[in-house]
Amino acid sequence: MLTAADKHLVGHLIIEVDPTDTGTARRFRVITAVHYRRWTGLLYFNIIRPFNHIVMHRMIAAASRADEPVR
């Protein structure tokens, strides 16, 4: 679990890795949990919420490419 905090909110990024039935691939589950410290944290996160899944998808794609051998 990764955590980032500021005066308005605390964000937690949780990454679960499960093996698939074949054993050769892995299934990733990414969870974003946010704790609002002030009403401004709620306002801020609601503004960026539509883009959260895009950022998470790109982070997962970059991390999965890091396992590939360099050619």
PDB file of N, CA and C in Angstrom:
ATOM      1  N   MET A   1       0.842  -1.167   0.000  1.00  0.00           N
ATOM      2  CA  MET A   1       0.000   0.000   0.000  1.00  0.00           C
ATOM      3  C   MET A   1       0.892   1.237   0.000  1.00  0.00           C
ATOM      4  N   LEU A   2       0.570   2.164  -0.859  1.00  0.00           N
ATOM      5  CA  LEU A   2       1.262   3.447  -0.931  1.00  0.00           C
ATOM      6  C   LEU A   2       0.329   4.522  -0.397  1.00  0.00           C
ATOM      7  N   THR A   3       0.889   5.493   0.300  1.00  0.00           N
ATOM      8  CA  THR A   3       0.084   6.556   0.880  1.00  0.00           C
ATOM      9  C   THR A   3       0.689   7.909   0.540  1.00  0.00           C
ATOM     10  N   ALA A   4      -0.173   8.845   0.185  1.00  0.00           N
ATOM     11  CA  ALA A   4       0.229  10.234  -0.036  1.00  0.00           C
ATOM     12  C   ALA A   4      -0.742  11.108   0.750  1.00  0.00           C
ATOM     13  N   ALA A   5      -0.196  12.111   1.429  1.00  0.00           N
ATOM     14  CA  ALA A   5      -1.037  12.955   2.277  1.00  0.00           C
ATOM     15  C   ALA A   5      -0.709  14.423   2.065  1.00  0.00           C
ATOM     16  N   ASP A   6      -1.731  15.239   2.187  1.00  0.00           N
ATOM     17  CA  ASP A   6      -1.555  16.687   2.279  1.00  0.00           C
ATOM     18  C   ASP A   6      -2.577  17.195   3.293  1.00  0.00           C
ATOM     19  N   LYS A   7      -2.721  18.501   3.420  1.00  0.00           N
ATOM     20  CA  LYS A   7      -3.593  19.018   4.468  1.00  0.00           C
ATOM     21  C   LYS A   7      -5.080  18.829   4.171  1.00  0.00           C
ATOM     22  N   HIS A   8      -5.437  18.492   2.921  1.00  0.00           N
ATOM     23  CA  HIS A   8      -6.838  18.350   2.546  1.00  0.00           C
ATOM     24  C   HIS A   8      -7.317  16.908   2.500  1.00  0.00           C
ATOM     25  N   LEU A   9      -6.421  15.985   2.134  1.00  0.00           N
ATOM     26  CA  LEU A   9      -6.832  14.590   2.013  1.00  0.00           C
ATOM     27  C   LEU A   9      -5.637  13.652   2.154  1.00  0.00           C
ATOM     28  N   VAL A  10      -5.959  12.379   2.371  1.00  0.00           N
ATOM     29  CA  VAL A  10      -4.960  11.308   2.397  1.00  0.00           C
ATOM     30  C   VAL A  10      -5.410  10.283   1.367  1.00  0.00           C
ATOM     31  N   GLY A  11      -4.516   9.915   0.453  1.00  0.00           N
ATOM     32  CA  GLY A  11      -4.836   8.930  -0.575  1.00  0.00           C
ATOM     33  C   GLY A  11      -4.025   7.669  -0.378  1.00  0.00           C
ATOM     34  N   HIS A  12      -4.680   6.536  -0.521  1.00  0.00           N
ATOM     35  CA  HIS A  12      -4.029   5.234  -0.407  1.00  0.00           C
ATOM     36  C   HIS A  12      -4.178   4.505  -1.734  1.00  0.00           C
ATOM     37  N   LEU A  13      -3.089   3.966  -2.230  1.00  0.00           N
ATOM     38  CA  LEU A  13      -3.109   3.152  -3.441  1.00  0.00           C
ATOM     39  C   LEU A  13      -2.798   1.721  -3.023  1.00  0.00           C
ATOM     40  N   ILE A  14      -3.733   0.829  -3.272  1.00  0.00           N
ATOM     41  CA  ILE A  14      -3.606  -0.567  -2.883  1.00  0.00           C
ATOM     42  C   ILE A  14      -3.522  -1.400  -4.153  1.00  0.00           C
ATOM     43  N   ILE A  15      -2.498  -2.250  -4.254  1.00  0.00           N
ATOM     44  CA  ILE A  15      -2.326  -3.105  -5.426  1.00  0.00           C
ATOM     45  C   ILE A  15      -2.297  -4.550  -4.959  1.00  0.00           C
ATOM     46  N   GLU A  16      -3.237  -5.339  -5.454  1.00  0.00           N
ATOM     47  CA  GLU A  16      -3.294  -6.769  -5.158  1.00  0.00           C
ATOM     48  C   GLU A  16      -2.885  -7.533  -6.412  1.00  0.00           C
ATOM     49  N   VAL A  17      -2.071  -8.558  -6.240  1.00  0.00           N
ATOM     50  CA  VAL A  17      -1.629  -9.389  -7.360  1.00  0.00           C
ATOM     51  C   VAL A  17      -2.054 -10.822  -7.073  1.00  0.00           C
ATOM     52  N   ASP A  18      -2.848 -11.386  -7.972  1.00  0.00           N
ATOM     53  CA  ASP A  18      -3.327 -12.756  -7.828  1.00  0.00           C
ATOM     54  C   ASP A  18      -2.868 -13.572  -9.025  1.00  0.00           C
ATOM     55  N   PRO A  19      -2.418 -14.814  -8.815  1.00  0.00           N
ATOM     56  CA  PRO A  19      -2.090 -15.665  -9.964  1.00  0.00           C
ATOM     57  C   PRO A  19      -3.372 -16.125 -10.649  1.00  0.00           C
ATOM     58  N   THR A  20      -3.291 -16.350 -11.949  1.00  0.00           N
ATOM     59  CA  THR A  20      -4.444 -16.876 -12.683  1.00  0.00           C
ATOM     60  C   THR A  20      -4.419 -18.392 -12.622  1.00  0.00           C
ATOM     61  N   ASP A  21      -5.427 -19.029 -13.192  1.00  0.00           N
ATOM     62  CA  ASP A  21      -5.513 -20.496 -13.167  1.00  0.00           C
ATOM     63  C   ASP A  21      -4.361 -21.148 -13.919  1.00  0.00           C
ATOM     64  N   THR A  22      -3.845 -20.473 -14.943  1.00  0.00           N
ATOM     65  CA  THR A  22      -2.766 -21.067 -15.733  1.00  0.00           C
ATOM     66  C   THR A  22      -1.429 -20.966 -15.021  1.00  0.00           C
ATOM     67  N   GLY A  23      -1.291 -20.028 -14.110  1.00  0.00           N
ATOM     68  CA  GLY A  23      -0.048 -19.877 -13.370  1.00  0.00           C
ATOM     69  C   GLY A  23       1.010 -19.060 -14.089  1.00  0.00           C
ATOM     70  N   THR A  24       0.784 -18.748 -15.355  1.00  0.00           N
ATOM     71  CA  THR A  24       1.787 -17.986 -16.109  1.00  0.00           C
ATOM     72  C   THR A  24       1.511 -16.487 -16.098  1.00  0.00           C
ATOM     73  N   ALA A  25       0.275 -16.118 -15.882  1.00  0.00           N
ATOM     74  CA  ALA A  25      -0.089 -14.699 -15.879  1.00  0.00           C
ATOM     75  C   ALA A  25      -0.524 -14.308 -14.476  1.00  0.00           C
ATOM     76  N   ARG A  26      -0.626 -13.009 -14.262  1.00  0.00           N
ATOM     77  CA  ARG A  26      -1.078 -12.494 -12.981  1.00  0.00           C
ATOM     78  C   ARG A  26      -2.236 -11.533 -13.200  1.00  0.00           C
ATOM     79  N   ARG A  27      -3.118 -11.507 -12.242  1.00  0.00           N
ATOM     80  CA  ARG A  27      -4.257 -10.581 -12.280  1.00  0.00           C
ATOM     81  C   ARG A  27      -3.979  -9.480 -11.255  1.00  0.00           C
ATOM     82  N   PHE A  28      -4.084  -8.232 -11.703  1.00  0.00           N
ATOM     83  CA  PHE A  28      -3.837  -7.091 -10.833  1.00  0.00           C
ATOM     84  C   PHE A  28      -5.153  -6.418 -10.492  1.00  0.00           C
ATOM     85  N   ARG A  29      -5.289  -6.031  -9.248  1.00  0.00           N
ATOM     86  CA  ARG A  29      -6.436  -5.264  -8.796  1.00  0.00           C
ATOM     87  C   ARG A  29      -5.889  -4.007  -8.126  1.00  0.00           C
ATOM     88  N   VAL A  30      -6.312  -2.843  -8.604  1.00  0.00           N
ATOM     89  CA  VAL A  30      -5.839  -1.567  -8.074  1.00  0.00           C
ATOM     90  C   VAL A  30      -7.005  -0.844  -7.430  1.00  0.00           C
ATOM     91  N   ILE A  31      -6.798  -0.430  -6.197  1.00  0.00           N
ATOM     92  CA  ILE A  31      -7.846   0.234  -5.427  1.00  0.00           C
ATOM     93  C   ILE A  31      -7.315   1.588  -4.955  1.00  0.00           C
ATOM     94  N   THR A  32      -8.107   2.622  -5.129  1.00  0.00           N
ATOM     95  CA  THR A  32      -7.778   3.941  -4.611  1.00  0.00           C
ATOM     96  C   THR A  32      -8.740   4.250  -3.478  1.00  0.00           C
ATOM     97  N   ALA A  33      -8.201   4.496  -2.298  1.00  0.00           N
ATOM     98  CA  ALA A  33      -9.020   4.876  -1.150  1.00  0.00           C
ATOM     99  C   ALA A  33      -8.600   6.277  -0.713  1.00  0.00           C
ATOM    100  N   VAL A  34      -9.583   7.136  -0.484  1.00  0.00           N
ATOM    101  CA  VAL A  34      -9.301   8.524  -0.134  1.00  0.00           C
ATOM    102  C   VAL A  34     -10.007   8.877   1.166  1.00  0.00           C
ATOM    103  N   HIS A  35      -9.265   9.493   2.069  1.00  0.00           N
ATOM    104  CA  HIS A  35      -9.831  10.013   3.316  1.00  0.00           C
ATOM    105  C   HIS A  35      -9.750  11.536   3.252  1.00  0.00           C
ATOM    106  N   TYR A  36     -10.891  12.178   3.357  1.00  0.00           N
ATOM    107  CA  TYR A  36     -10.939  13.641   3.262  1.00  0.00           C
ATOM    108  C   TYR A  36     -10.721  14.242   4.642  1.00  0.00           C
ATOM    109  N   ARG A  37      -9.721  15.079   4.756  1.00  0.00           N
ATOM    110  CA  ARG A  37      -9.460  15.754   6.030  1.00  0.00           C
ATOM    111  C   ARG A  37     -10.298  17.017   6.180  1.00  0.00           C
ATOM    112  N   ARG A  38     -10.625  17.631   5.059  1.00  0.00           N
ATOM    113  CA  ARG A  38     -11.419  18.869   5.037  1.00  0.00           C
ATOM    114  C   ARG A  38     -12.365  18.822   3.845  1.00  0.00           C
ATOM    115  N   TRP A  39     -13.328  19.723   3.818  1.00  0.00           N
ATOM    116  CA  TRP A  39     -14.268  19.764   2.703  1.00  0.00           C
ATOM    117  C   TRP A  39     -13.552  20.088   1.393  1.00  0.00           C
ATOM    118  N   THR A  40     -12.412  20.773   1.470  1.00  0.00           N
ATOM    119  CA  THR A  40     -11.672  21.096   0.252  1.00  0.00           C
ATOM    120  C   THR A  40     -11.065  19.847  -0.382  1.00  0.00           C
ATOM    121  N   GLY A  41     -10.774  18.838   0.431  1.00  0.00           N
ATOM    122  CA  GLY A  41     -10.290  17.567  -0.107  1.00  0.00           C
ATOM    123  C   GLY A  41     -11.348  16.875  -0.938  1.00  0.00           C
ATOM    124  N   LEU A  42     -12.572  16.907  -0.472  1.00  0.00           N
ATOM    125  CA  LEU A  42     -13.695  16.345  -1.228  1.00  0.00           C
ATOM    126  C   LEU A  42     -13.881  17.094  -2.547  1.00  0.00           C
ATOM    127  N   LEU A  43     -13.809  18.404  -2.487  1.00  0.00           N
ATOM    128  CA  LEU A  43     -13.929  19.218  -3.697  1.00  0.00           C
ATOM    129  C   LEU A  43     -12.822  18.882  -4.696  1.00  0.00           C
ATOM    130  N   TYR A  44     -11.585  18.831  -4.225  1.00  0.00           N
ATOM    131  CA  TYR A  44     -10.440  18.538  -5.086  1.00  0.00           C
ATOM    132  C   TYR A  44     -10.576  17.152  -5.731  1.00  0.00           C
ATOM    133  N   PHE A  45     -10.892  16.142  -4.920  1.00  0.00           N
ATOM    134  CA  PHE A  45     -10.951  14.794  -5.479  1.00  0.00           C
ATOM    135  C   PHE A  45     -12.115  14.639  -6.451  1.00  0.00           C
ATOM    136  N   ASN A  46     -13.221  15.306  -6.214  1.00  0.00           N
ATOM    137  CA  ASN A  46     -14.338  15.225  -7.155  1.00  0.00           C
ATOM    138  C   ASN A  46     -13.991  15.867  -8.494  1.00  0.00           C
ATOM    139  N   ILE A  47     -13.084  16.845  -8.491  1.00  0.00           N
ATOM    140  CA  ILE A  47     -12.638  17.438  -9.751  1.00  0.00           C
ATOM    141  C   ILE A  47     -11.749  16.466 -10.522  1.00  0.00           C
ATOM    142  N   ILE A  48     -10.858  15.756  -9.827  1.00  0.00           N
ATOM    143  CA  ILE A  48      -9.933  14.843 -10.522  1.00  0.00           C
ATOM    144  C   ILE A  48     -10.475  13.420 -10.665  1.00  0.00           C
ATOM    145  N   ARG A  49     -11.589  13.114 -10.022  1.00  0.00           N
ATOM    146  CA  ARG A  49     -12.150  11.754 -10.056  1.00  0.00           C
ATOM    147  C   ARG A  49     -12.336  11.191 -11.473  1.00  0.00           C
ATOM    148  N   PRO A  50     -12.838  11.964 -12.451  1.00  0.00           N
ATOM    149  CA  PRO A  50     -13.020  11.393 -13.796  1.00  0.00           C
ATOM    150  C   PRO A  50     -11.711  10.929 -14.453  1.00  0.00           C
ATOM    151  N   PHE A  51     -10.585  11.433 -13.999  1.00  0.00           N
ATOM    152  CA  PHE A  51      -9.297  11.085 -14.602  1.00  0.00           C
ATOM    153  C   PHE A  51      -8.542  10.033 -13.807  1.00  0.00           C
ATOM    154  N   ASN A  52      -9.040   9.675 -12.643  1.00  0.00           N
ATOM    155  CA  ASN A  52      -8.343   8.728 -11.775  1.00  0.00           C
ATOM    156  C   ASN A  52      -8.116   7.384 -12.456  1.00  0.00           C
ATOM    157  N   HIS A  53      -9.125   6.852 -13.139  1.00  0.00           N
ATOM    158  CA  HIS A  53      -8.981   5.545 -13.782  1.00  0.00           C
ATOM    159  C   HIS A  53      -7.967   5.593 -14.929  1.00  0.00           C
ATOM    160  N   ILE A  54      -7.846   6.726 -15.603  1.00  0.00           N
ATOM    161  CA  ILE A  54      -6.862   6.855 -16.687  1.00  0.00           C
ATOM    162  C   ILE A  54      -5.450   6.797 -16.117  1.00  0.00           C
ATOM    163  N   VAL A  55      -5.213   7.524 -15.050  1.00  0.00           N
ATOM    164  CA  VAL A  55      -3.892   7.531 -14.415  1.00  0.00           C
ATOM    165  C   VAL A  55      -3.549   6.134 -13.902  1.00  0.00           C
ATOM    166  N   MET A  56      -4.498   5.473 -13.236  1.00  0.00           N
ATOM    167  CA  MET A  56      -4.249   4.131 -12.701  1.00  0.00           C
ATOM    168  C   MET A  56      -3.967   3.134 -13.828  1.00  0.00           C
ATOM    169  N   HIS A  57      -4.720   3.208 -14.921  1.00  0.00           N
ATOM    170  CA  HIS A  57      -4.513   2.296 -16.046  1.00  0.00           C
ATOM    171  C   HIS A  57      -3.105   2.461 -16.623  1.00  0.00           C
ATOM    172  N   ARG A  58      -2.664   3.692 -16.790  1.00  0.00           N
ATOM    173  CA  ARG A  58      -1.328   3.939 -17.348  1.00  0.00           C
ATOM    174  C   ARG A  58      -0.227   3.496 -16.397  1.00  0.00           C
ATOM    175  N   MET A  59      -0.440   3.660 -15.099  1.00  0.00           N
ATOM    176  CA  MET A  59       0.555   3.203 -14.123  1.00  0.00           C
ATOM    177  C   MET A  59       0.692   1.680 -14.162  1.00  0.00           C
ATOM    178  N   ILE A  60      -0.431   0.987 -14.274  1.00  0.00           N
ATOM    179  CA  ILE A  60      -0.403  -0.477 -14.336  1.00  0.00           C
ATOM    180  C   ILE A  60       0.270  -0.937 -15.621  1.00  0.00           C
ATOM    181  N   ALA A  61      -0.047  -0.293 -16.739  1.00  0.00           N
ATOM    182  CA  ALA A  61       0.565  -0.661 -18.015  1.00  0.00           C
ATOM    183  C   ALA A  61       2.079  -0.463 -17.959  1.00  0.00           C
ATOM    184  N   ALA A  62       2.532   0.637 -17.382  1.00  0.00           N
ATOM    185  CA  ALA A  62       3.971   0.894 -17.280  1.00  0.00           C
ATOM    186  C   ALA A  62       4.646  -0.128 -16.373  1.00  0.00           C
ATOM    187  N   ALA A  63       3.997  -0.484 -15.285  1.00  0.00           N
ATOM    188  CA  ALA A  63       4.577  -1.473 -14.369  1.00  0.00           C
ATOM    189  C   ALA A  63       4.639  -2.854 -15.010  1.00  0.00           C
ATOM    190  N   SER A  64       3.647  -3.227 -15.797  1.00  0.00           N
ATOM    191  CA  SER A  64       3.660  -4.547 -16.431  1.00  0.00           C
ATOM    192  C   SER A  64       4.726  -4.625 -17.531  1.00  0.00           C
ATOM    193  N   ARG A  65       4.999  -3.514 -18.197  1.00  0.00           N
ATOM    194  CA  ARG A  65       6.057  -3.515 -19.202  1.00  0.00           C
ATOM    195  C   ARG A  65       7.435  -3.638 -18.572  1.00  0.00           C
ATOM    196  N   ALA A  66       7.578  -3.253 -17.324  1.00  0.00           N
ATOM    197  CA  ALA A  66       8.875  -3.312 -16.657  1.00  0.00           C
ATOM    198  C   ALA A  66       9.327  -4.765 -16.471  1.00  0.00           C
ATOM    199  N   ASP A  67       8.400  -5.723 -16.467  1.00  0.00           N
ATOM    200  CA  ASP A  67       8.748  -7.141 -16.310  1.00  0.00           C
ATOM    201  C   ASP A  67       9.243  -7.771 -17.604  1.00  0.00           C
ATOM    202  N   GLU A  68       8.991  -7.135 -18.732  1.00  0.00           N
ATOM    203  CA  GLU A  68       9.385  -7.707 -20.006  1.00  0.00           C
ATOM    204  C   GLU A  68      10.901  -7.589 -20.200  1.00  0.00           C
ATOM    205  N   PRO A  69      11.509  -8.608 -20.786  1.00  0.00           N
ATOM    206  CA  PRO A  69      12.957  -8.522 -21.034  1.00  0.00           C
ATOM    207  C   PRO A  69      13.284  -7.471 -22.100  1.00  0.00           C
ATOM    208  N   VAL A  70      14.420  -6.858 -21.958  1.00  0.00           N
ATOM    209  CA  VAL A  70      14.865  -5.844 -22.921  1.00  0.00           C
ATOM    210  C   VAL A  70      15.433  -6.551 -24.139  1.00  0.00           C
ATOM    211  N   ARG A  71      15.037  -6.118 -25.330  1.00  0.00           N
ATOM    212  CA  ARG A  71      15.511  -6.767 -26.564  1.00  0.00           C
ATOM    213  C   ARG A  71      16.539  -5.920 -27.243  1.00  0.00           C
TER     214      ARG A  71
END
